[in-house]
């Protein structure tokens, strides 16, 4: 399974905009907050692996 790294760029209601940090690109990924750890804030770093998001220290 692949591993991807993201940063929470903004939170808008029930959704968060994530930016991939392990590759170049300007695209944001819109993800339902129900799929993310409840402790996220803008700037939180996440790892996505095995269909789960996990907060990481960067």
PDB file of N, CA and C in Angstrom:
ATOM      1  N   UNK A   1       0.833  -1.172   0.000  1.00  0.00           N
ATOM      2  CA  UNK A   1       0.000   0.000   0.000  1.00  0.00           C
ATOM      3  C   UNK A   1       0.884   1.244   0.000  1.00  0.00           C
ATOM      4  N   UNK A   2       0.455   2.272  -0.669  1.00  0.00           N
ATOM      5  CA  UNK A   2       1.211   3.519  -0.737  1.00  0.00           C
ATOM      6  C   UNK A   2       1.020   4.349   0.518  1.00  0.00           C
ATOM      7  N   UNK A   3       2.000   5.194   0.789  1.00  0.00           N
ATOM      8  CA  UNK A   3       1.948   6.142   1.894  1.00  0.00           C
ATOM      9  C   UNK A   3       2.040   7.541   1.315  1.00  0.00           C
ATOM     10  N   UNK A   4       1.167   8.442   1.781  1.00  0.00           N
ATOM     11  CA  UNK A   4       1.154   9.823   1.318  1.00  0.00           C
ATOM     12  C   UNK A   4       1.204  10.744   2.520  1.00  0.00           C
ATOM     13  N   UNK A   5       1.802  11.926   2.349  1.00  0.00           N
ATOM     14  CA  UNK A   5       1.914  12.905   3.421  1.00  0.00           C
ATOM     15  C   UNK A   5       1.192  14.183   3.021  1.00  0.00           C
ATOM     16  N   UNK A   6       0.442  14.747   3.969  1.00  0.00           N
ATOM     17  CA  UNK A   6      -0.376  15.931   3.713  1.00  0.00           C
ATOM     18  C   UNK A   6      -0.221  16.942   4.834  1.00  0.00           C
ATOM     19  N   UNK A   7      -0.557  18.184   4.507  1.00  0.00           N
ATOM     20  CA  UNK A   7      -0.686  19.240   5.510  1.00  0.00           C
ATOM     21  C   UNK A   7      -2.093  19.806   5.402  1.00  0.00           C
ATOM     22  N   UNK A   8      -2.737  20.039   6.550  1.00  0.00           N
ATOM     23  CA  UNK A   8      -4.059  20.645   6.563  1.00  0.00           C
ATOM     24  C   UNK A   8      -3.881  22.130   6.243  1.00  0.00           C
ATOM     25  N   UNK A   9      -4.418  22.562   5.109  1.00  0.00           N
ATOM     26  CA  UNK A   9      -4.281  23.957   4.688  1.00  0.00           C
ATOM     27  C   UNK A   9      -5.413  24.817   5.226  1.00  0.00           C
ATOM     28  N   UNK A  10      -6.621  24.284   5.260  1.00  0.00           N
ATOM     29  CA  UNK A  10      -7.761  25.031   5.791  1.00  0.00           C
ATOM     30  C   UNK A  10      -8.860  24.054   6.194  1.00  0.00           C
ATOM     31  N   UNK A  11      -9.707  24.530   7.087  1.00  0.00           N
ATOM     32  CA  UNK A  11     -10.856  23.752   7.535  1.00  0.00           C
ATOM     33  C   UNK A  11     -12.096  24.586   7.255  1.00  0.00           C
ATOM     34  N   UNK A  12     -13.050  23.971   6.573  1.00  0.00           N
ATOM     35  CA  UNK A  12     -14.276  24.666   6.194  1.00  0.00           C
ATOM     36  C   UNK A  12     -15.465  23.799   6.578  1.00  0.00           C
ATOM     37  N   UNK A  13     -15.986  24.024   7.781  1.00  0.00           N
ATOM     38  CA  UNK A  13     -17.137  23.242   8.243  1.00  0.00           C
ATOM     39  C   UNK A  13     -16.787  21.777   8.424  1.00  0.00           C
ATOM     40  N   UNK A  14     -17.461  20.922   7.679  1.00  0.00           N
ATOM     41  CA  UNK A  14     -17.265  19.474   7.795  1.00  0.00           C
ATOM     42  C   UNK A  14     -16.160  18.941   6.887  1.00  0.00           C
ATOM     43  N   UNK A  15     -15.406  19.833   6.258  1.00  0.00           N
ATOM     44  CA  UNK A  15     -14.378  19.418   5.304  1.00  0.00           C
ATOM     45  C   UNK A  15     -13.056  20.105   5.609  1.00  0.00           C
ATOM     46  N   UNK A  16     -11.979  19.478   5.172  1.00  0.00           N
ATOM     47  CA  UNK A  16     -10.645  20.060   5.296  1.00  0.00           C
ATOM     48  C   UNK A  16      -9.961  19.980   3.938  1.00  0.00           C
ATOM     49  N   UNK A  17      -9.185  21.001   3.620  1.00  0.00           N
ATOM     50  CA  UNK A  17      -8.386  21.024   2.399  1.00  0.00           C
ATOM     51  C   UNK A  17      -6.974  20.588   2.748  1.00  0.00           C
ATOM     52  N   UNK A  18      -6.530  19.514   2.111  1.00  0.00           N
ATOM     53  CA  UNK A  18      -5.207  18.965   2.363  1.00  0.00           C
ATOM     54  C   UNK A  18      -4.308  19.196   1.159  1.00  0.00           C
ATOM     55  N   UNK A  19      -3.025  19.508   1.448  1.00  0.00           N
ATOM     56  CA  UNK A  19      -2.030  19.665   0.387  1.00  0.00           C
ATOM     57  C   UNK A  19      -0.978  18.585   0.561  1.00  0.00           C
ATOM     58  N   UNK A  20      -0.673  17.925  -0.507  1.00  0.00           N
ATOM     59  CA  UNK A  20       0.336  16.871  -0.476  1.00  0.00           C
ATOM     60  C   UNK A  20       1.716  17.485  -0.269  1.00  0.00           C
ATOM     61  N   UNK A  21       2.489  16.956   0.645  1.00  0.00           N
ATOM     62  CA  UNK A  21       3.810  17.513   0.939  1.00  0.00           C
ATOM     63  C   UNK A  21       4.949  16.638   0.430  1.00  0.00           C
ATOM     64  N   UNK A  22       4.650  15.439  -0.034  1.00  0.00           N
ATOM     65  CA  UNK A  22       5.700  14.540  -0.495  1.00  0.00           C
ATOM     66  C   UNK A  22       5.912  14.601  -2.001  1.00  0.00           C
ATOM     67  N   UNK A  23       5.182  15.489  -2.679  1.00  0.00           N
ATOM     68  CA  UNK A  23       5.417  15.710  -4.107  1.00  0.00           C
ATOM     69  C   UNK A  23       4.961  17.120  -4.471  1.00  0.00           C
ATOM     70  N   UNK A  24       5.522  17.653  -5.541  1.00  0.00           N
ATOM     71  CA  UNK A  24       5.188  19.001  -5.989  1.00  0.00           C
ATOM     72  C   UNK A  24       3.793  19.056  -6.563  1.00  0.00           C
ATOM     73  N   UNK A  25       3.145  20.182  -6.395  1.00  0.00           N
ATOM     74  CA  UNK A  25       1.815  20.373  -6.958  1.00  0.00           C
ATOM     75  C   UNK A  25       1.039  21.393  -6.153  1.00  0.00           C
ATOM     76  N   UNK A  26       0.126  22.064  -6.812  1.00  0.00           N
ATOM     77  CA  UNK A  26      -0.682  23.091  -6.170  1.00  0.00           C
ATOM     78  C   UNK A  26      -2.078  22.586  -5.815  1.00  0.00           C
ATOM     79  N   UNK A  27      -2.427  21.389  -6.225  1.00  0.00           N
ATOM     80  CA  UNK A  27      -3.776  20.873  -6.016  1.00  0.00           C
ATOM     81  C   UNK A  27      -4.046  20.592  -4.547  1.00  0.00           C
ATOM     82  N   UNK A  28      -5.266  20.903  -4.130  1.00  0.00           N
ATOM     83  CA  UNK A  28      -5.715  20.584  -2.784  1.00  0.00           C
ATOM     84  C   UNK A  28      -6.715  19.438  -2.860  1.00  0.00           C
ATOM     85  N   UNK A  29      -6.732  18.618  -1.819  1.00  0.00           N
ATOM     86  CA  UNK A  29      -7.653  17.489  -1.742  1.00  0.00           C
ATOM     87  C   UNK A  29      -8.690  17.818  -0.670  1.00  0.00           C
ATOM     88  N   UNK A  30      -9.953  17.783  -1.026  1.00  0.00           N
ATOM     89  CA  UNK A  30     -11.045  18.044  -0.092  1.00  0.00           C
ATOM     90  C   UNK A  30     -11.436  16.724   0.572  1.00  0.00           C
ATOM     91  N   UNK A  31     -11.346  16.684   1.907  1.00  0.00           N
ATOM     92  CA  UNK A  31     -11.597  15.454   2.654  1.00  0.00           C
ATOM     93  C   UNK A  31     -12.600  15.751   3.768  1.00  0.00           C
ATOM     94  N   UNK A  32     -13.564  14.875   3.944  1.00  0.00           N
ATOM     95  CA  UNK A  32     -14.530  15.011   5.035  1.00  0.00           C
ATOM     96  C   UNK A  32     -13.806  14.886   6.371  1.00  0.00           C
ATOM     97  N   UNK A  33     -14.120  15.774   7.295  1.00  0.00           N
ATOM     98  CA  UNK A  33     -13.461  15.750   8.604  1.00  0.00           C
ATOM     99  C   UNK A  33     -13.754  14.473   9.370  1.00  0.00           C
ATOM    100  N   UNK A  34     -14.839  13.798   9.067  1.00  0.00           N
ATOM    101  CA  UNK A  34     -15.162  12.535   9.730  1.00  0.00           C
ATOM    102  C   UNK A  34     -14.096  11.475   9.450  1.00  0.00           C
ATOM    103  N   UNK A  35     -13.337  11.632   8.366  1.00  0.00           N
ATOM    104  CA  UNK A  35     -12.287  10.674   8.017  1.00  0.00           C
ATOM    105  C   UNK A  35     -10.941  11.023   8.643  1.00  0.00           C
ATOM    106  N   UNK A  36     -10.856  12.205   9.256  1.00  0.00           N
ATOM    107  CA  UNK A  36      -9.597  12.708   9.805  1.00  0.00           C
ATOM    108  C   UNK A  36      -9.611  12.627  11.332  1.00  0.00           C
ATOM    109  N   UNK A  37      -8.425  12.610  11.947  1.00  0.00           N
ATOM    110  CA  UNK A  37      -8.387  12.631  13.408  1.00  0.00           C
ATOM    111  C   UNK A  37      -9.078  13.892  13.932  1.00  0.00           C
ATOM    112  N   UNK A  38      -9.832  13.805  15.021  1.00  0.00           N
ATOM    113  CA  UNK A  38     -10.594  14.961  15.511  1.00  0.00           C
ATOM    114  C   UNK A  38      -9.721  16.121  15.998  1.00  0.00           C
ATOM    115  N   UNK A  39      -8.452  15.877  16.299  1.00  0.00           N
ATOM    116  CA  UNK A  39      -7.560  16.913  16.838  1.00  0.00           C
ATOM    117  C   UNK A  39      -6.951  17.819  15.781  1.00  0.00           C
ATOM    118  N   UNK A  40      -7.262  17.624  14.508  1.00  0.00           N
ATOM    119  CA  UNK A  40      -6.581  18.402  13.470  1.00  0.00           C
ATOM    120  C   UNK A  40      -6.874  19.893  13.599  1.00  0.00           C
ATOM    121  N   UNK A  41      -5.907  20.681  13.192  1.00  0.00           N
ATOM    122  CA  UNK A  41      -5.990  22.134  13.091  1.00  0.00           C
ATOM    123  C   UNK A  41      -5.290  22.524  11.794  1.00  0.00           C
ATOM    124  N   UNK A  42      -5.454  23.768  11.373  1.00  0.00           N
ATOM    125  CA  UNK A  42      -4.710  24.234  10.198  1.00  0.00           C
ATOM    126  C   UNK A  42      -3.220  24.108  10.496  1.00  0.00           C
ATOM    127  N   UNK A  43      -2.488  23.537   9.552  1.00  0.00           N
ATOM    128  CA  UNK A  43      -1.059  23.318   9.721  1.00  0.00           C
ATOM    129  C   UNK A  43      -0.694  21.920  10.193  1.00  0.00           C
ATOM    130  N   UNK A  44      -1.666  21.137  10.646  1.00  0.00           N
ATOM    131  CA  UNK A  44      -1.400  19.773  11.106  1.00  0.00           C
ATOM    132  C   UNK A  44      -0.843  18.933   9.961  1.00  0.00           C
ATOM    133  N   UNK A  45       0.174  18.141  10.266  1.00  0.00           N
ATOM    134  CA  UNK A  45       0.768  17.231   9.291  1.00  0.00           C
ATOM    135  C   UNK A  45       0.138  15.852   9.468  1.00  0.00           C
ATOM    136  N   UNK A  46      -0.186  15.225   8.329  1.00  0.00           N
ATOM    137  CA  UNK A  46      -0.857  13.925   8.348  1.00  0.00           C
ATOM    138  C   UNK A  46      -0.133  12.915   7.472  1.00  0.00           C
ATOM    139  N   UNK A  47      -0.244  11.665   7.863  1.00  0.00           N
ATOM    140  CA  UNK A  47       0.215  10.549   7.031  1.00  0.00           C
ATOM    141  C   UNK A  47      -1.013   9.736   6.656  1.00  0.00           C
ATOM    142  N   UNK A  48      -1.131   9.400   5.379  1.00  0.00           N
ATOM    143  CA  UNK A  48      -2.242   8.571   4.898  1.00  0.00           C
ATOM    144  C   UNK A  48      -1.665   7.223   4.470  1.00  0.00           C
ATOM    145  N   UNK A  49      -2.125   6.179   5.147  1.00  0.00           N
ATOM    146  CA  UNK A  49      -1.623   4.838   4.860  1.00  0.00           C
ATOM    147  C   UNK A  49      -2.704   3.841   5.252  1.00  0.00           C
ATOM    148  N   UNK A  50      -2.893   2.820   4.443  1.00  0.00           N
ATOM    149  CA  UNK A  50      -3.897   1.782   4.697  1.00  0.00           C
ATOM    150  C   UNK A  50      -5.284   2.399   4.930  1.00  0.00           C
ATOM    151  N   UNK A  51      -5.614   3.390   4.120  1.00  0.00           N
ATOM    152  CA  UNK A  51      -6.927   4.042   4.124  1.00  0.00           C
ATOM    153  C   UNK A  51      -7.241   4.745   5.438  1.00  0.00           C
ATOM    154  N   UNK A  52      -6.198   5.199   6.168  1.00  0.00           N
ATOM    155  CA  UNK A  52      -6.381   5.924   7.416  1.00  0.00           C
ATOM    156  C   UNK A  52      -5.431   7.116   7.467  1.00  0.00           C
ATOM    157  N   UNK A  53      -5.911   8.214   8.051  1.00  0.00           N
ATOM    158  CA  UNK A  53      -5.092   9.398   8.282  1.00  0.00           C
ATOM    159  C   UNK A  53      -4.609   9.382   9.721  1.00  0.00           C
ATOM    160  N   UNK A  54      -3.334   9.752   9.907  1.00  0.00           N
ATOM    161  CA  UNK A  54      -2.711   9.758  11.235  1.00  0.00           C
ATOM    162  C   UNK A  54      -1.907  11.046  11.372  1.00  0.00           C
ATOM    163  N   UNK A  55      -2.007  11.694  12.525  1.00  0.00           N
ATOM    164  CA  UNK A  55      -1.227  12.911  12.775  1.00  0.00           C
ATOM    165  C   UNK A  55       0.227  12.523  13.004  1.00  0.00           C
ATOM    166  N   UNK A  56       1.127  13.278  12.380  1.00  0.00           N
ATOM    167  CA  UNK A  56       2.567  13.035  12.567  1.00  0.00           C
ATOM    168  C   UNK A  56       3.229  14.342  12.998  1.00  0.00           C
ATOM    169  N   UNK A  57       4.378  14.229  13.617  1.00  0.00           N
ATOM    170  CA  UNK A  57       5.199  15.394  13.959  1.00  0.00           C
ATOM    171  C   UNK A  57       6.134  15.657  12.802  1.00  0.00           C
ATOM    172  N   UNK A  58       6.211  16.914  12.394  1.00  0.00           N
ATOM    173  CA  UNK A  58       7.096  17.243  11.278  1.00  0.00           C
ATOM    174  C   UNK A  58       8.139  18.226  11.695  1.00  0.00           C
TER     175      UNK A  58
END
